[in-house]
Protein backbone atom coordinates (compact mmCIF):
# COMPACT_ATOMS: atom_id res chain seq x y z
CA MET A 1 20.88 -2.38 -1.23
CA ILE A 2 19.64 -3.32 -4.68
CA ASP A 3 22.13 -2.13 -7.29
CA LEU A 4 20.14 -0.08 -9.81
CA GLY A 5 23.15 1.80 -11.11
CA LEU A 6 22.23 4.88 -9.07
CA VAL A 7 25.21 4.99 -6.71
CA GLY A 8 26.90 8.35 -7.13
CA LYS A 9 24.02 9.85 -9.11
CA THR A 10 22.39 13.08 -7.98
CA ALA A 11 18.60 13.34 -7.99
CA VAL A 12 16.45 16.43 -7.48
CA VAL A 13 12.92 15.65 -6.30
CA THR A 14 10.45 18.52 -6.15
CA GLY A 15 7.63 18.58 -3.64
CA ALA A 16 9.66 16.10 -1.60
CA ALA A 17 9.08 17.38 1.92
CA GLY A 18 6.25 14.89 2.36
CA GLY A 19 3.79 12.54 0.70
CA LEU A 20 4.66 10.86 -2.57
CA GLY A 21 7.64 13.16 -3.15
CA TYR A 22 9.24 12.05 0.09
CA ALA A 23 8.61 8.42 -0.85
CA PHE A 24 10.47 8.99 -4.14
CA ALA A 25 13.35 10.68 -2.31
CA GLU A 26 13.53 7.89 0.27
CA ALA A 27 13.60 5.21 -2.43
CA LEU A 28 16.29 7.02 -4.41
CA ILE A 29 18.57 7.48 -1.42
CA GLY A 30 17.98 3.84 -0.51
CA ALA A 31 19.23 2.91 -3.99
CA GLY A 32 22.43 4.87 -3.47
CA ALA A 33 21.65 8.20 -5.09
CA ARG A 34 22.37 11.59 -3.58
CA VAL A 35 19.06 13.38 -3.11
CA VAL A 36 18.10 17.03 -3.13
CA VAL A 37 14.77 17.59 -1.38
CA ALA A 38 13.24 20.62 -3.11
CA ASP A 39 10.03 22.07 -1.72
CA ILE A 40 8.26 25.40 -1.34
CA ASP A 41 8.27 24.75 2.41
CA ALA A 42 11.98 25.20 3.07
CA SER A 43 11.80 24.20 6.74
CA ALA A 44 9.88 21.01 5.96
CA ALA A 45 12.37 20.23 3.17
CA GLU A 46 15.24 20.68 5.62
CA ALA A 47 13.59 18.34 8.13
CA ALA A 48 12.99 15.73 5.41
CA ALA A 49 16.62 15.96 4.27
CA ARG A 50 17.80 15.45 7.85
CA ARG A 51 15.78 12.24 8.07
CA LEU A 52 17.14 11.02 4.76
CA ALA A 53 20.72 11.89 5.71
CA ALA A 54 20.69 8.95 8.11
CA ARG A 55 20.76 6.72 5.02
CA GLY A 56 22.95 8.68 2.61
CA GLU A 57 23.77 12.08 1.16
CA ALA A 58 20.83 14.48 1.20
CA ALA A 59 20.37 18.22 0.97
CA SER A 60 17.38 20.55 0.97
CA ILE A 61 16.47 23.56 -1.14
CA GLY A 62 13.48 25.85 -0.85
CA VAL A 63 11.94 26.46 -4.27
CA ASP A 64 8.81 27.92 -5.82
CA VAL A 65 8.48 25.81 -8.96
CA ALA A 66 6.13 28.36 -10.54
CA ASN A 67 8.82 31.04 -10.36
CA GLU A 68 11.52 30.91 -13.04
CA ALA A 69 14.18 32.71 -11.00
CA SER A 70 13.55 30.36 -8.08
CA THR A 71 13.93 27.25 -10.25
CA ARG A 72 17.16 28.58 -11.75
CA ALA A 73 18.54 29.22 -8.28
CA MET A 74 17.52 25.69 -7.24
CA ALA A 75 19.31 24.20 -10.25
CA GLU A 76 22.48 26.18 -9.60
CA GLU A 77 22.54 25.25 -5.92
CA ALA A 78 21.84 21.57 -6.51
CA SER A 79 24.45 21.28 -9.24
CA GLY A 80 27.02 23.24 -7.26
CA ARG A 81 26.46 21.13 -4.16
CA PHE A 82 26.97 17.78 -5.88
CA GLY A 83 28.86 18.64 -9.08
CA GLY A 84 25.95 18.20 -11.49
CA VAL A 85 22.51 16.63 -11.65
CA ASP A 86 21.58 13.29 -13.21
CA ILE A 87 17.91 12.85 -12.27
CA LEU A 88 14.92 15.14 -11.95
CA VAL A 89 11.62 13.95 -10.50
CA ASN A 90 8.99 16.62 -11.19
CA ASN A 91 6.59 15.82 -8.39
CA ALA A 92 5.54 19.22 -6.97
CA ALA A 93 1.84 19.89 -7.49
CA ILE A 94 -1.23 21.53 -6.04
CA TYR A 95 -3.73 18.90 -4.99
CA ALA A 96 -4.53 19.20 -1.30
CA GLY A 97 -7.13 21.83 -0.64
CA LEU A 98 -8.69 21.80 -4.10
CA GLN A 99 -12.46 21.74 -3.86
CA ARG A 100 -14.30 19.39 -6.17
CA LYS A 101 -16.77 21.31 -8.31
CA PRO A 102 -18.10 21.42 -11.90
CA PHE A 103 -15.71 23.06 -14.33
CA PHE A 104 -18.15 25.94 -14.87
CA GLU A 105 -17.83 26.85 -11.19
CA ILE A 106 -14.02 26.84 -11.06
CA ASP A 107 -12.64 30.32 -10.53
CA GLY A 108 -10.23 31.52 -13.22
CA ALA A 109 -7.63 32.52 -10.65
CA GLU A 110 -7.71 29.04 -9.12
CA TRP A 111 -7.32 27.51 -12.59
CA ASP A 112 -4.24 29.68 -13.18
CA ARG A 113 -2.77 28.76 -9.78
CA VAL A 114 -3.09 25.02 -10.44
CA MET A 115 -1.64 25.32 -13.93
CA ALA A 116 1.22 27.51 -12.70
CA VAL A 117 2.45 24.87 -10.27
CA ASN A 118 1.43 21.57 -11.85
CA ALA A 119 2.21 22.28 -15.52
CA LYS A 120 4.40 25.38 -15.69
CA GLY A 121 6.35 24.16 -12.66
CA ALA A 122 7.41 20.96 -14.40
CA PHE A 123 8.40 22.96 -17.48
CA LEU A 124 10.45 25.48 -15.48
CA CYS A 125 12.26 22.85 -13.42
CA ALA A 126 13.22 20.83 -16.49
CA LYS A 127 14.31 24.01 -18.27
CA ALA A 128 16.42 25.11 -15.31
CA LEU A 129 18.11 21.75 -14.79
CA PHE A 130 18.73 20.89 -18.44
CA PRO A 131 22.00 22.89 -18.66
CA HIS A 132 23.28 20.94 -15.65
CA MET A 133 22.32 17.57 -17.19
CA LYS A 134 23.44 18.40 -20.73
CA GLY A 135 26.61 16.58 -21.66
CA ARG A 136 26.25 13.94 -18.95
CA GLY A 137 22.86 12.44 -19.84
CA GLY A 138 20.21 11.64 -17.32
CA LYS A 139 16.60 10.87 -16.53
CA ILE A 140 13.57 13.09 -16.03
CA VAL A 141 10.41 11.63 -14.51
CA ASN A 142 7.30 13.79 -14.59
CA VAL A 143 4.55 12.85 -12.16
CA ALA A 144 1.18 12.98 -13.92
CA SER A 145 -2.04 11.29 -12.74
CA ALA A 146 -4.30 8.43 -13.77
CA THR A 147 -7.18 10.92 -13.57
CA VAL A 148 -6.16 12.04 -17.06
CA PHE A 149 -7.27 8.67 -18.45
CA SER A 150 -10.42 8.32 -16.37
CA GLY A 151 -11.58 11.89 -16.95
CA SER A 152 -12.25 12.20 -13.24
CA PRO A 153 -15.12 14.69 -12.89
CA LEU A 154 -15.12 17.82 -10.74
CA TRP A 155 -11.33 18.22 -10.95
CA MET A 156 -10.94 19.77 -14.40
CA HIS A 157 -8.14 22.14 -13.41
CA TYR A 158 -6.15 19.34 -11.77
CA VAL A 159 -6.86 16.79 -14.51
CA ALA A 160 -6.02 19.28 -17.27
CA SER A 161 -2.76 20.22 -15.56
CA LYS A 162 -1.72 16.58 -15.36
CA GLY A 163 -2.74 16.04 -18.98
CA ALA A 164 -0.36 18.86 -19.85
CA VAL A 165 2.39 17.05 -17.96
CA ILE A 166 1.90 13.99 -20.18
CA ALA A 167 1.96 16.14 -23.32
CA MET A 168 5.13 17.91 -22.18
CA THR A 169 6.74 14.55 -21.46
CA ARG A 170 6.31 13.56 -25.11
CA VAL A 171 7.85 16.81 -26.36
CA MET A 172 10.73 16.77 -23.88
CA ALA A 173 11.56 13.20 -24.83
CA ARG A 174 11.80 14.14 -28.51
CA GLU A 175 13.88 17.22 -27.83
CA LEU A 176 16.28 15.73 -25.28
CA GLY A 177 16.96 12.36 -26.87
CA ASP A 178 20.04 13.68 -28.66
CA HIS A 179 21.37 14.74 -25.26
CA ALA A 180 21.00 11.20 -23.83
CA ILE A 181 18.27 12.35 -21.47
CA ASN A 182 15.25 10.07 -21.14
CA VAL A 183 11.94 11.69 -20.21
CA ASN A 184 8.99 9.65 -19.00
CA ALA A 185 5.92 10.10 -16.84
CA ILE A 186 4.30 8.18 -14.04
CA ALA A 187 0.53 8.40 -13.70
CA PRO A 188 -0.38 7.21 -10.20
CA GLY A 189 -3.92 6.27 -9.33
CA PHE A 190 -5.47 7.45 -6.08
CA THR A 191 -2.76 6.95 -3.45
CA LEU A 192 -2.99 7.25 0.32
CA THR A 193 -0.92 10.30 1.13
CA GLU A 194 -1.57 13.05 3.66
CA ALA A 195 -3.05 15.18 0.88
CA SER A 196 -5.33 12.39 -0.35
CA ARG A 197 -6.64 11.62 3.10
CA ALA A 198 -7.47 15.30 3.56
CA ALA A 199 -9.18 15.56 0.17
CA ILE A 200 -11.30 12.39 0.24
CA PRO A 201 -13.40 11.47 3.31
CA ASP A 202 -13.45 7.74 2.46
CA ALA A 203 -9.83 7.63 1.32
CA GLU A 204 -9.15 4.11 2.64
CA THR A 205 -11.78 2.56 0.39
CA TYR A 206 -11.96 5.12 -2.42
CA GLY A 207 -11.91 3.36 -5.82
CA VAL A 208 -10.74 0.04 -4.37
CA ALA A 209 -13.69 -1.89 -5.84
CA ARG A 210 -12.71 -0.71 -9.34
CA GLY A 211 -9.23 -2.19 -9.23
CA ALA A 212 -7.84 -5.50 -10.39
CA ILE A 213 -5.78 -5.34 -7.19
CA ARG A 214 -8.42 -4.64 -4.58
CA ARG A 215 -6.64 -2.59 -1.98
CA ALA A 216 -5.69 1.02 -1.47
CA SER A 217 -2.48 2.25 -3.06
CA GLN A 218 0.36 3.31 -0.77
CA PRO A 219 3.22 5.65 -1.76
CA THR A 220 5.57 2.65 -1.70
CA ASP A 221 3.49 1.14 -4.54
CA ILE A 222 4.47 3.99 -6.85
CA VAL A 223 8.20 4.25 -6.21
CA GLY A 224 9.16 1.09 -8.10
CA ALA A 225 8.14 2.62 -11.41
CA CYS A 226 10.19 5.70 -10.61
CA LEU A 227 13.29 3.68 -9.71
CA TRP A 228 13.00 1.73 -12.96
CA LEU A 229 12.60 4.87 -15.04
CA VAL A 230 15.66 6.58 -13.53
CA SER A 231 17.86 3.49 -13.70
CA PRO A 232 19.87 2.11 -16.65
CA LEU A 233 17.23 -0.65 -16.93
CA SER A 234 15.03 1.85 -18.83
CA ASP A 235 17.70 3.38 -21.07
CA PHE A 236 15.68 2.62 -24.23
CA VAL A 237 12.39 3.88 -22.80
CA THR A 238 11.41 7.51 -23.36
CA GLY A 239 8.29 9.56 -23.98
CA GLN A 240 6.12 7.02 -22.18
CA THR A 241 3.54 7.24 -19.41
CA VAL A 242 3.41 4.39 -16.92
CA ILE A 243 0.04 4.09 -15.19
CA VAL A 244 0.38 2.73 -11.66
CA ASP A 245 -3.13 2.27 -10.33
CA GLY A 246 -3.65 -1.39 -9.48
CA GLY A 247 -5.48 -2.04 -12.75
CA ARG A 248 -8.31 0.45 -12.26
CA GLN A 249 -8.11 1.84 -15.80
CA PHE A 250 -9.16 -1.36 -17.54
CA ILE A 251 -11.95 -2.46 -15.22
């Protein structure tokens, strides 16, 4: 085990039943943290927590991140289970199932649904967990997307929601600095998850030619940035967005 100063820390990871969220949870428990797998699919979250429990302390909580009462209940349960919370990874998002189309064809209800989960969800989870982190310090990592910087077409609702995540990260960092809570964002490039494979027919080769590192990104490629941002190694880093995309943004 690499000692990242996370032994005994409690981390809540939203959207952690699968995909990138599960990769974050797996990396955190591997580094010695206690992990709460929070997901709208409570049964999948429970199954994920059982797998993780083979390596350390893990629990599961069903949560609708777009619902304020649900996020408050999640925060209370997580804090009560482990005596407080030190880390929040805001990963839950709507991505799979979104149809690519020009912005002028996006239905208003679909726009609201994406914003409710991807942007409002991160806000509500941070708001709910702040009282349980206040006084002990901690780290919040918001998962944005490199699409914000590329202006990826035909995904305006998704791209705008992730742009909001970056903006909120800046504000949270300014407001929580006095409470010794660092807030940063990770902006992954296209990564091979279950959702990505379902969304993009040529997922294995999608965007690879545009990268400085010419291979597809795996979830394990993203977790290092998260581990750094939640560890004491990044104690003087806040309000920043780390793009993890194999160098695609400068090609």
